[in-house]
Amino acid sequence: MTVKRLLSVAVTACLLATVGACGNSDDSSDGPITLSFLSYNYGTPDVGGEGTQQLIDAFEKSHPDITIAPQGVPVADTLTRVRSRTAAGDPPDVAQIGWSKVAAAYRGLPLTPVQDIPTADEWRSATAGLSQPLLRAVEHEGKVAAMPYTLSTPTLFYNADLFRKAGLDPAKPPATIAEAQRAGLALVRIGASGVYFDIAGASKSDFLTQSVVAANGGSVATPDGRVTFDQPAAVEALTAVQQLTTSGAQPAVAEADAIAAFKAGKLGALVTSTALLAGLEEAANGHFELRTGGMPGFAGKPVRTTFSGAGLVVLAKDDAHKQAAWEFIKFLTSAEGYTIITSKIGYLPLRPDLVKDPRYLGPYFAKDPRIGPALDQLETVRPYTFFDGPQADRAVATLQDDAVAPIVLRGADPASTLAEVAAQVRSMTGR
């Protein structure tokens, strides 16, 4: 059993034994409540599924009057499933929704903003230890409507053994995309597969697209939803990622193939979500040295990433279920919750003080500091930018499928492709 898995088991056992003294089980109901929870992590045959079940078990132990009825759903189908259940009059009480789809949820679902459920004093108390820059970044119309839950920032994962073999210094990972290209070519020369920016993934999230474009001083859209990804800074940013592929430093393969190659010790570096950390650690253990760094950007320009992952939204109909939903969300984002989320699944602990607290993540970070670079990026995190209108989710998929993937993986001309797709998205959003 790995040190990581031993730690996860120990952490969970400790929390299950002690969390009853830490939580508040008052759900403002006179009797038991069953709370439906739609989650794309639940039920998956990996660390995400295991970690989510541990969270549910720990919550139910400390809140015996609230039973969680979880339902798993593929990440790409989450919003569709919530919409269909809502239309049928049976919305989930709580749903985990990816940030690329949150704008559509705000506009098309009868959400109760999470911040509106507790009193102002309870809200301040419950969120006091959470990353305040992040809470400000996720505000919608002046309040937190979707509670940040399982979040990550773009992370550079790299195989230190391959770096050494290629004559690269593993203590100095590439800090810019140009440096990543040089590293990738050095890796290819020793028979490795180079580097890979996971910018056109199967989930169709544009968080890495937004982060890369922002690192070059551009944006995918303005704060009010106006399309800007056809502007020079965005064109230059995606051209730089395309050059990784055209130079031979990056393989022109799908996300799943790149991740599999990295796990097999064949790909030298992978820029992707922090959420993959646990699975990559498990694959690397005993086979190669896994290290991490911040997202490579552009020379002379600050890297300010946005975030990926999910928020928690409340669709409960009555006050008792809304209060129970708040208790559940409060636990999931508590010190106890993030100790499980980070040590078991690999998402960021959105309570930064936990990393030095011996009761929570102190022992984990002492043994494994690899999530540190991604956590540091929370201090300068940018708000996730949404397209405007009811077709915002379709607009993201169009950007990713019709512009980013063809440019990065298939050699499409960046300027003309982005101009054409921007026109399509403007016709969808009116912006």
Protein backbone atom coordinates (compact mmCIF):
# COMPACT_ATOMS: atom_id res chain seq x y z
CA MET A 1 0.00 0.00 0.00
CA THR A 2 1.40 3.46 -0.93
CA VAL A 3 2.18 6.16 1.61
CA LYS A 4 -0.55 8.26 0.01
CA ARG A 5 -3.18 5.55 0.39
CA LEU A 6 -2.10 4.82 3.97
CA LEU A 7 -2.43 8.50 4.75
CA SER A 8 -5.85 8.71 3.10
CA VAL A 9 -7.12 5.75 5.12
CA ALA A 10 -5.71 7.16 8.33
CA VAL A 11 -7.13 10.61 7.68
CA THR A 12 -10.57 9.23 6.93
CA ALA A 13 -10.59 6.98 9.98
CA CYS A 14 -9.59 9.89 12.18
CA LEU A 15 -12.28 12.13 10.72
CA LEU A 16 -15.00 9.50 11.05
CA ALA A 17 -14.06 9.09 14.68
CA THR A 18 -13.91 12.77 15.53
CA VAL A 19 -16.11 14.70 13.13
CA GLY A 20 -19.17 14.35 15.32
CA ALA A 21 -17.61 16.81 17.71
CA CYS A 22 -16.76 19.22 14.90
CA GLY A 23 -19.98 19.50 12.91
CA ASN A 24 -23.33 21.06 13.55
CA SER A 25 -26.22 18.66 12.85
CA ASP A 26 -29.04 21.13 13.40
CA ASP A 27 -30.93 20.99 10.09
CA SER A 28 -33.93 23.06 11.20
CA SER A 29 -36.22 20.06 10.63
CA ASP A 30 -38.35 18.14 13.14
CA GLY A 31 -37.58 14.79 11.51
CA PRO A 32 -35.16 12.92 9.28
CA ILE A 33 -34.43 14.36 5.86
CA THR A 34 -33.21 12.62 2.73
CA LEU A 35 -31.15 14.92 0.55
CA SER A 36 -30.63 14.05 -3.11
CA PHE A 37 -27.12 14.79 -4.41
CA LEU A 38 -26.16 14.69 -8.09
CA SER A 39 -22.39 14.35 -8.53
CA TYR A 40 -20.10 13.50 -11.41
CA ASN A 41 -17.46 12.23 -8.96
CA TYR A 42 -19.83 9.86 -7.17
CA GLY A 43 -19.77 6.24 -8.25
CA THR A 44 -16.74 6.49 -10.51
CA PRO A 45 -14.27 3.59 -10.21
CA ASP A 46 -11.39 5.80 -9.15
CA VAL A 47 -10.18 8.01 -6.33
CA GLY A 48 -12.91 10.56 -7.09
CA GLY A 49 -15.63 8.01 -6.43
CA GLU A 50 -13.91 6.67 -3.32
CA GLY A 51 -13.31 10.14 -1.93
CA THR A 52 -16.89 11.27 -2.52
CA GLN A 53 -18.22 8.21 -0.70
CA GLN A 54 -15.92 8.97 2.23
CA LEU A 55 -17.29 12.52 2.37
CA ILE A 56 -20.87 11.23 2.40
CA ASP A 57 -20.08 8.66 5.10
CA ALA A 58 -18.38 11.24 7.31
CA PHE A 59 -21.24 13.72 6.90
CA GLU A 60 -23.94 11.17 7.71
CA LYS A 61 -22.04 10.06 10.81
CA SER A 62 -22.04 13.61 12.15
CA HIS A 63 -25.58 14.40 10.94
CA PRO A 64 -27.70 11.32 11.76
CA ASP A 65 -30.95 13.08 10.82
CA ILE A 66 -29.80 13.76 7.24
CA THR A 67 -29.40 10.93 4.74
CA ILE A 68 -27.64 11.61 1.45
CA ALA A 69 -29.12 9.92 -1.63
CA PRO A 70 -26.32 10.28 -4.19
CA GLN A 71 -26.62 9.81 -7.92
CA GLY A 72 -23.65 9.59 -10.27
CA VAL A 73 -23.68 11.19 -13.70
CA PRO A 74 -21.04 11.56 -16.45
CA VAL A 75 -19.44 14.99 -16.22
CA ALA A 76 -20.51 15.97 -19.75
CA ASP A 77 -24.16 15.11 -18.96
CA THR A 78 -24.47 16.90 -15.62
CA LEU A 79 -26.29 20.02 -16.75
CA THR A 80 -28.58 18.06 -19.07
CA ARG A 81 -29.51 15.67 -16.26
CA VAL A 82 -30.24 18.52 -13.84
CA ARG A 83 -32.38 20.27 -16.46
CA SER A 84 -34.38 17.14 -17.23
CA ARG A 85 -35.00 16.37 -13.58
CA THR A 86 -36.00 19.96 -12.91
CA ALA A 87 -38.41 19.95 -15.86
CA ALA A 88 -39.95 16.76 -14.46
CA GLY A 89 -40.51 18.45 -11.10
CA ASP A 90 -37.84 16.43 -9.30
CA PRO A 91 -34.64 18.49 -9.19
CA PRO A 92 -31.74 17.23 -7.08
CA ASP A 93 -31.49 19.10 -3.78
CA VAL A 94 -27.76 19.65 -4.35
CA ALA A 95 -25.82 19.29 -7.60
CA GLN A 96 -22.14 19.37 -8.48
CA ILE A 97 -21.83 21.40 -11.68
CA GLY A 98 -18.65 22.19 -13.59
CA TRP A 99 -17.71 25.85 -13.78
CA SER A 100 -17.86 25.91 -17.57
CA LYS A 101 -21.58 25.12 -17.22
CA VAL A 102 -22.39 27.30 -14.22
CA ALA A 103 -23.41 30.31 -16.33
CA ALA A 104 -26.11 28.24 -18.02
CA ALA A 105 -27.22 26.98 -14.61
CA TYR A 106 -27.53 30.53 -13.29
CA ARG A 107 -29.77 31.51 -16.19
CA GLY A 108 -31.85 28.39 -16.67
CA LEU A 109 -32.33 26.71 -13.30
CA PRO A 110 -34.32 27.73 -10.18
CA LEU A 111 -31.26 27.94 -7.94
CA THR A 112 -31.23 29.28 -4.41
CA PRO A 113 -27.93 31.14 -3.99
CA VAL A 114 -25.95 29.26 -1.35
CA GLN A 115 -25.07 32.49 0.45
CA ASP A 116 -28.78 33.27 0.92
CA ILE A 117 -29.51 30.16 3.02
CA PRO A 118 -27.56 30.79 6.27
CA THR A 119 -27.67 33.97 8.30
CA ALA A 120 -25.04 36.58 7.50
CA ASP A 121 -23.15 35.75 10.70
CA GLU A 122 -23.18 32.02 9.98
CA TRP A 123 -21.99 32.62 6.44
CA ARG A 124 -19.06 34.72 7.66
CA SER A 125 -18.16 32.10 10.25
CA ALA A 126 -18.40 29.18 7.83
CA THR A 127 -16.35 30.85 5.09
CA ALA A 128 -13.78 32.63 7.27
CA GLY A 129 -11.00 30.15 6.46
CA LEU A 130 -11.77 29.77 2.77
CA SER A 131 -9.61 31.46 0.14
CA GLN A 132 -11.00 34.98 0.00
CA PRO A 133 -9.60 35.77 -3.49
CA LEU A 134 -11.43 32.69 -4.74
CA LEU A 135 -14.72 33.60 -3.03
CA ARG A 136 -14.56 37.01 -4.68
CA ALA A 137 -13.74 35.39 -8.03
CA VAL A 138 -16.83 33.14 -7.96
CA GLU A 139 -19.36 35.81 -6.96
CA HIS A 140 -22.42 36.12 -9.17
CA GLU A 141 -24.43 39.34 -8.89
CA GLY A 142 -22.65 40.23 -5.67
CA LYS A 143 -23.00 36.92 -3.83
CA VAL A 144 -21.81 33.32 -3.90
CA ALA A 145 -24.56 31.48 -5.76
CA ALA A 146 -22.55 28.30 -6.44
CA MET A 147 -20.24 27.24 -3.62
CA PRO A 148 -16.69 26.47 -4.77
CA TYR A 149 -16.12 22.78 -4.06
CA THR A 150 -13.73 20.59 -6.06
CA LEU A 151 -11.44 23.09 -7.75
CA SER A 152 -8.04 23.07 -9.34
CA THR A 153 -5.72 25.33 -11.29
CA PRO A 154 -3.55 24.29 -14.26
CA THR A 155 -0.51 22.33 -13.10
CA LEU A 156 2.67 21.16 -14.80
CA PHE A 157 3.27 17.49 -14.00
CA TYR A 158 6.62 16.16 -15.14
CA ASN A 159 8.69 13.00 -15.07
CA ALA A 160 11.93 13.98 -13.32
CA ASP A 161 13.65 10.78 -14.46
CA LEU A 162 12.98 11.57 -18.12
CA PHE A 163 14.10 15.16 -17.56
CA ARG A 164 17.46 13.95 -16.23
CA LYS A 165 17.85 11.50 -19.10
CA ALA A 166 17.18 14.33 -21.57
CA GLY A 167 19.79 16.57 -19.93
CA LEU A 168 17.17 18.84 -18.35
CA ASP A 169 17.34 20.09 -14.77
CA PRO A 170 14.33 18.70 -12.87
CA ALA A 171 14.80 21.42 -10.26
CA LYS A 172 14.00 24.01 -12.95
CA PRO A 173 10.78 23.02 -14.76
CA PRO A 174 9.78 25.13 -17.77
CA ALA A 175 8.23 28.43 -16.72
CA THR A 176 7.15 29.55 -20.19
CA ILE A 177 5.61 27.85 -23.19
CA ALA A 178 8.80 28.55 -25.14
CA GLU A 179 10.80 26.74 -22.46
CA ALA A 180 8.28 23.90 -22.56
CA GLN A 181 8.85 23.60 -26.31
CA ARG A 182 12.62 23.35 -25.85
CA ALA A 183 12.15 20.78 -23.08
CA GLY A 184 9.74 18.81 -25.24
CA LEU A 185 12.19 18.63 -28.12
CA ALA A 186 14.94 17.47 -25.77
CA LEU A 187 12.62 14.76 -24.48
CA VAL A 188 11.71 13.66 -28.00
CA ARG A 189 15.40 13.25 -28.82
CA ILE A 190 15.69 10.52 -26.16
CA GLY A 191 12.61 8.71 -27.44
CA ALA A 192 10.00 10.19 -25.07
CA SER A 193 6.77 11.80 -26.27
CA GLY A 194 7.68 15.35 -25.29
CA VAL A 195 5.20 17.61 -23.48
CA TYR A 196 1.43 18.00 -23.69
CA PHE A 197 -0.93 20.90 -22.92
CA ASP A 198 -4.31 19.36 -22.09
CA ILE A 199 -6.12 22.33 -23.61
CA ALA A 200 -8.64 20.40 -25.77
CA GLY A 201 -9.93 17.81 -23.31
CA ALA A 202 -12.98 15.61 -23.57
CA SER A 203 -14.90 17.56 -20.90
CA LYS A 204 -14.94 20.58 -23.27
CA SER A 205 -14.00 22.90 -20.40
CA ASP A 206 -12.16 26.01 -21.53
CA PHE A 207 -10.40 26.68 -18.22
CA LEU A 208 -6.94 25.96 -19.65
CA THR A 209 -7.77 27.93 -22.78
CA GLN A 210 -8.77 30.87 -20.58
CA SER A 211 -5.62 30.50 -18.46
CA VAL A 212 -3.22 30.37 -21.42
CA VAL A 213 -4.88 33.32 -23.15
CA ALA A 214 -4.89 35.34 -19.92
CA ALA A 215 -1.19 34.59 -19.39
CA ASN A 216 -0.56 36.45 -22.66
CA GLY A 217 -2.65 39.41 -21.54
CA GLY A 218 -5.82 38.46 -23.39
CA SER A 219 -9.22 37.03 -22.60
CA VAL A 220 -11.78 34.65 -24.02
CA ALA A 221 -14.60 37.04 -23.10
CA THR A 222 -15.08 40.26 -21.16
CA PRO A 223 -16.68 40.19 -17.69
CA ASP A 224 -20.04 41.03 -19.29
CA GLY A 225 -19.75 38.17 -21.79
CA ARG A 226 -18.52 39.95 -24.93
CA VAL A 227 -16.48 37.59 -27.14
CA THR A 228 -12.77 38.50 -27.35
CA PHE A 229 -10.97 35.27 -28.22
CA ASP A 230 -10.32 36.48 -31.78
CA GLN A 231 -8.18 39.39 -30.55
CA PRO A 232 -4.38 39.42 -31.08
CA ALA A 233 -3.39 38.31 -27.57
CA ALA A 234 -5.60 35.23 -27.80
CA VAL A 235 -4.42 34.42 -31.32
CA GLU A 236 -0.78 34.68 -30.19
CA ALA A 237 -1.42 32.49 -27.14
CA LEU A 238 -3.01 29.64 -29.07
CA THR A 239 -0.39 29.97 -31.80
CA ALA A 240 2.27 29.33 -29.15
CA VAL A 241 0.51 26.15 -28.03
CA GLN A 242 0.06 25.09 -31.66
CA GLN A 243 3.80 25.50 -32.20
CA LEU A 244 4.41 22.87 -29.54
CA THR A 245 2.67 20.43 -31.88
CA THR A 246 4.06 21.65 -35.20
CA SER A 247 7.62 21.63 -33.82
CA GLY A 248 7.25 18.02 -32.71
CA ALA A 249 7.54 18.87 -29.02
CA GLN A 250 3.92 17.89 -28.37
CA PRO A 251 2.16 14.78 -29.70
CA ALA A 252 -1.03 15.44 -31.70
CA VAL A 253 -3.08 12.98 -29.66
CA ALA A 254 -6.29 13.04 -27.65
CA GLU A 255 -6.32 13.85 -23.96
CA ALA A 256 -6.86 10.24 -22.86
CA ASP A 257 -3.88 9.04 -24.90
CA ALA A 258 -1.62 11.74 -23.47
CA ILE A 259 -2.61 10.92 -19.89
CA ALA A 260 -2.07 7.22 -20.52
CA ALA A 261 1.38 7.94 -21.98
CA PHE A 262 2.33 10.03 -18.97
CA LYS A 263 1.19 7.35 -16.55
CA ALA A 264 3.23 4.81 -18.50
CA GLY A 265 6.37 6.92 -18.15
CA LYS A 266 6.53 7.77 -21.87
CA LEU A 267 5.41 11.43 -21.85
CA GLY A 268 7.81 13.87 -20.22
CA ALA A 269 5.42 16.59 -19.07
CA LEU A 270 1.68 17.18 -18.87
CA VAL A 271 -0.09 20.49 -18.21
CA THR A 272 -3.56 19.72 -16.91
CA SER A 273 -5.90 19.98 -13.94
CA THR A 274 -4.65 19.41 -10.40
CA ALA A 275 -7.50 16.91 -10.11
CA LEU A 276 -5.34 14.32 -11.86
CA LEU A 277 -2.71 14.39 -9.11
CA ALA A 278 -3.93 11.38 -7.14
CA GLY A 279 -4.17 9.15 -10.19
CA LEU A 280 -0.79 10.28 -11.53
CA GLU A 281 0.84 9.69 -8.15
CA GLU A 282 -0.53 6.18 -8.05
CA ALA A 283 0.79 5.46 -11.54
CA ALA A 284 4.21 6.97 -10.82
CA ASN A 285 4.76 5.26 -7.48
CA GLY A 286 7.68 2.86 -7.79
CA HIS A 287 8.13 3.64 -11.49
CA PHE A 288 9.29 7.23 -11.89
CA GLU A 289 9.70 10.44 -9.91
CA LEU A 290 6.68 12.70 -10.33
CA ARG A 291 7.18 16.43 -9.77
CA THR A 292 4.98 19.48 -10.28
CA GLY A 293 5.27 23.14 -11.20
CA GLY A 294 3.07 26.09 -12.02
CA MET A 295 1.49 26.56 -15.43
CA PRO A 296 4.03 27.75 -18.02
CA GLY A 297 3.19 31.18 -19.39
CA PHE A 298 4.90 33.83 -21.50
CA ALA A 299 8.21 35.56 -20.88
CA GLY A 300 7.90 38.84 -18.99
CA LYS A 301 4.18 38.44 -18.32
CA PRO A 302 2.49 37.35 -15.07
CA VAL A 303 0.70 34.01 -15.00
CA ARG A 304 -2.82 34.43 -13.64
CA THR A 305 -4.74 31.22 -14.07
CA THR A 306 -8.44 30.64 -13.79
CA PHE A 307 -9.84 27.51 -12.18
CA SER A 308 -11.54 24.31 -13.22
CA GLY A 309 -13.64 21.86 -11.29
CA ALA A 310 -17.08 22.34 -9.87
CA GLY A 311 -19.35 24.31 -7.63
CA LEU A 312 -22.28 23.12 -5.53
CA VAL A 313 -25.71 24.53 -6.35
CA VAL A 314 -28.93 24.21 -4.36
CA LEU A 315 -32.24 23.38 -6.04
CA ALA A 316 -34.07 22.16 -2.92
CA LYS A 317 -37.70 23.30 -2.88
CA ASP A 318 -38.56 23.74 0.82
CA ASP A 319 -36.79 25.46 3.69
CA ALA A 320 -36.01 22.25 5.58
CA HIS A 321 -34.24 20.73 2.59
CA LYS A 322 -32.47 24.02 1.86
CA GLN A 323 -31.15 24.12 5.42
CA ALA A 324 -30.07 20.48 5.15
CA ALA A 325 -28.37 21.31 1.86
CA TRP A 326 -26.47 24.11 3.59
CA GLU A 327 -25.35 21.74 6.34
CA PHE A 328 -24.08 19.32 3.69
CA ILE A 329 -22.30 22.04 1.72
CA LYS A 330 -20.85 23.51 4.89
CA PHE A 331 -19.38 20.12 5.79
CA LEU A 332 -18.04 19.40 2.29
CA THR A 333 -16.16 22.72 2.35
CA SER A 334 -15.05 22.46 5.98
CA ALA A 335 -11.60 21.59 7.29
CA GLU A 336 -12.73 17.98 7.61
CA GLY A 337 -14.16 17.97 4.10
CA TYR A 338 -11.10 19.42 2.41
CA THR A 339 -8.80 17.05 4.25
CA ILE A 340 -10.60 14.20 2.49
CA ILE A 341 -10.96 16.05 -0.83
CA THR A 342 -7.27 16.89 -1.08
CA SER A 343 -5.68 13.76 0.37
CA LYS A 344 -8.01 11.34 -1.37
CA ILE A 345 -9.07 12.97 -4.64
CA GLY A 346 -6.35 15.55 -5.30
CA TYR A 347 -8.32 18.78 -5.59
CA LEU A 348 -7.05 21.94 -3.96
CA PRO A 349 -7.76 22.60 -0.28
CA LEU A 350 -9.67 25.85 -0.54
CA ARG A 351 -8.78 26.48 3.09
CA PRO A 352 -5.07 27.35 2.72
CA ASP A 353 -4.29 27.21 6.45
CA LEU A 354 -4.97 23.46 6.47
CA VAL A 355 -1.66 22.74 4.75
CA LYS A 356 0.26 23.54 7.94
CA ASP A 357 -2.27 22.29 10.48
CA PRO A 358 -1.18 18.98 12.05
CA ARG A 359 -4.84 18.06 12.66
CA TYR A 360 -5.67 18.17 8.97
CA LEU A 361 -3.36 18.39 5.95
CA GLY A 362 -0.08 19.21 7.70
CA PRO A 363 1.13 15.58 7.65
CA TYR A 364 0.00 15.15 4.04
CA PHE A 365 1.88 18.21 2.77
CA ALA A 366 4.95 17.33 4.83
CA LYS A 367 5.14 14.03 2.94
CA ASP A 368 3.87 15.24 -0.44
CA PRO A 369 4.14 18.96 -1.31
CA ARG A 370 3.37 18.44 -5.00
CA ILE A 371 0.02 20.22 -4.91
CA GLY A 372 1.81 23.34 -3.63
CA PRO A 373 2.41 25.13 -6.97
CA ALA A 374 -1.27 24.86 -7.90
CA LEU A 375 -2.30 26.07 -4.44
CA ASP A 376 0.00 29.09 -4.74
CA GLN A 377 -1.82 30.11 -7.91
CA LEU A 378 -5.03 30.63 -5.90
CA GLU A 379 -3.55 33.87 -4.56
CA THR A 380 -3.80 35.46 -8.01
CA VAL A 381 -6.67 33.42 -9.46
CA ARG A 382 -8.82 35.07 -12.13
CA PRO A 383 -12.60 34.76 -12.26
CA TYR A 384 -13.86 32.15 -14.67
CA THR A 385 -15.23 34.10 -17.65
CA PHE A 386 -18.68 33.18 -18.96
CA PHE A 387 -20.21 33.78 -22.34
CA ASP A 388 -23.54 35.60 -22.31
CA GLY A 389 -27.00 34.23 -22.91
CA PRO A 390 -28.84 30.92 -22.63
CA GLN A 391 -26.47 29.22 -25.10
CA ALA A 392 -23.34 29.89 -23.03
CA ASP A 393 -22.64 26.18 -22.57
CA ARG A 394 -22.95 25.53 -26.31
CA ALA A 395 -20.63 28.48 -26.94
CA VAL A 396 -17.90 26.91 -24.79
CA ALA A 397 -18.21 23.60 -26.64
CA THR A 398 -18.03 25.43 -29.97
CA LEU A 399 -14.88 27.28 -28.93
CA GLN A 400 -13.21 24.07 -27.81
CA ASP A 401 -14.39 21.77 -30.62
CA ASP A 402 -14.25 24.13 -33.59
CA ALA A 403 -11.30 26.35 -32.67
CA VAL A 404 -8.99 25.10 -29.92
CA ALA A 405 -8.78 21.43 -30.91
CA PRO A 406 -8.29 22.10 -34.66
CA ILE A 407 -5.66 24.77 -33.96
CA VAL A 408 -3.65 22.88 -31.36
CA LEU A 409 -3.93 19.33 -32.68
CA ARG A 410 -4.70 19.57 -36.40
CA GLY A 411 -2.79 22.60 -37.66
CA ALA A 412 -5.69 24.95 -38.41
CA ASP A 413 -4.73 28.58 -38.98
CA PRO A 414 -5.16 30.33 -35.60
CA ALA A 415 -6.23 33.79 -36.77
CA SER A 416 -8.79 32.77 -39.38
CA THR A 417 -10.14 29.88 -37.30
CA LEU A 418 -10.65 32.04 -34.21
CA ALA A 419 -12.28 34.78 -36.31
CA GLU A 420 -14.70 32.32 -37.87
CA VAL A 421 -15.60 30.64 -34.58
CA ALA A 422 -15.91 34.00 -32.80
CA ALA A 423 -18.54 34.98 -35.37
CA GLN A 424 -20.42 31.75 -34.64
CA VAL A 425 -20.31 32.34 -30.90
CA ARG A 426 -21.42 35.96 -31.29
CA SER A 427 -24.44 34.73 -33.22
CA MET A 428 -25.28 32.45 -30.27
CA THR A 429 -24.72 35.00 -27.53
CA GLY A 430 -25.50 38.30 -29.21
CA ARG A 431 -22.24 39.65 -27.82
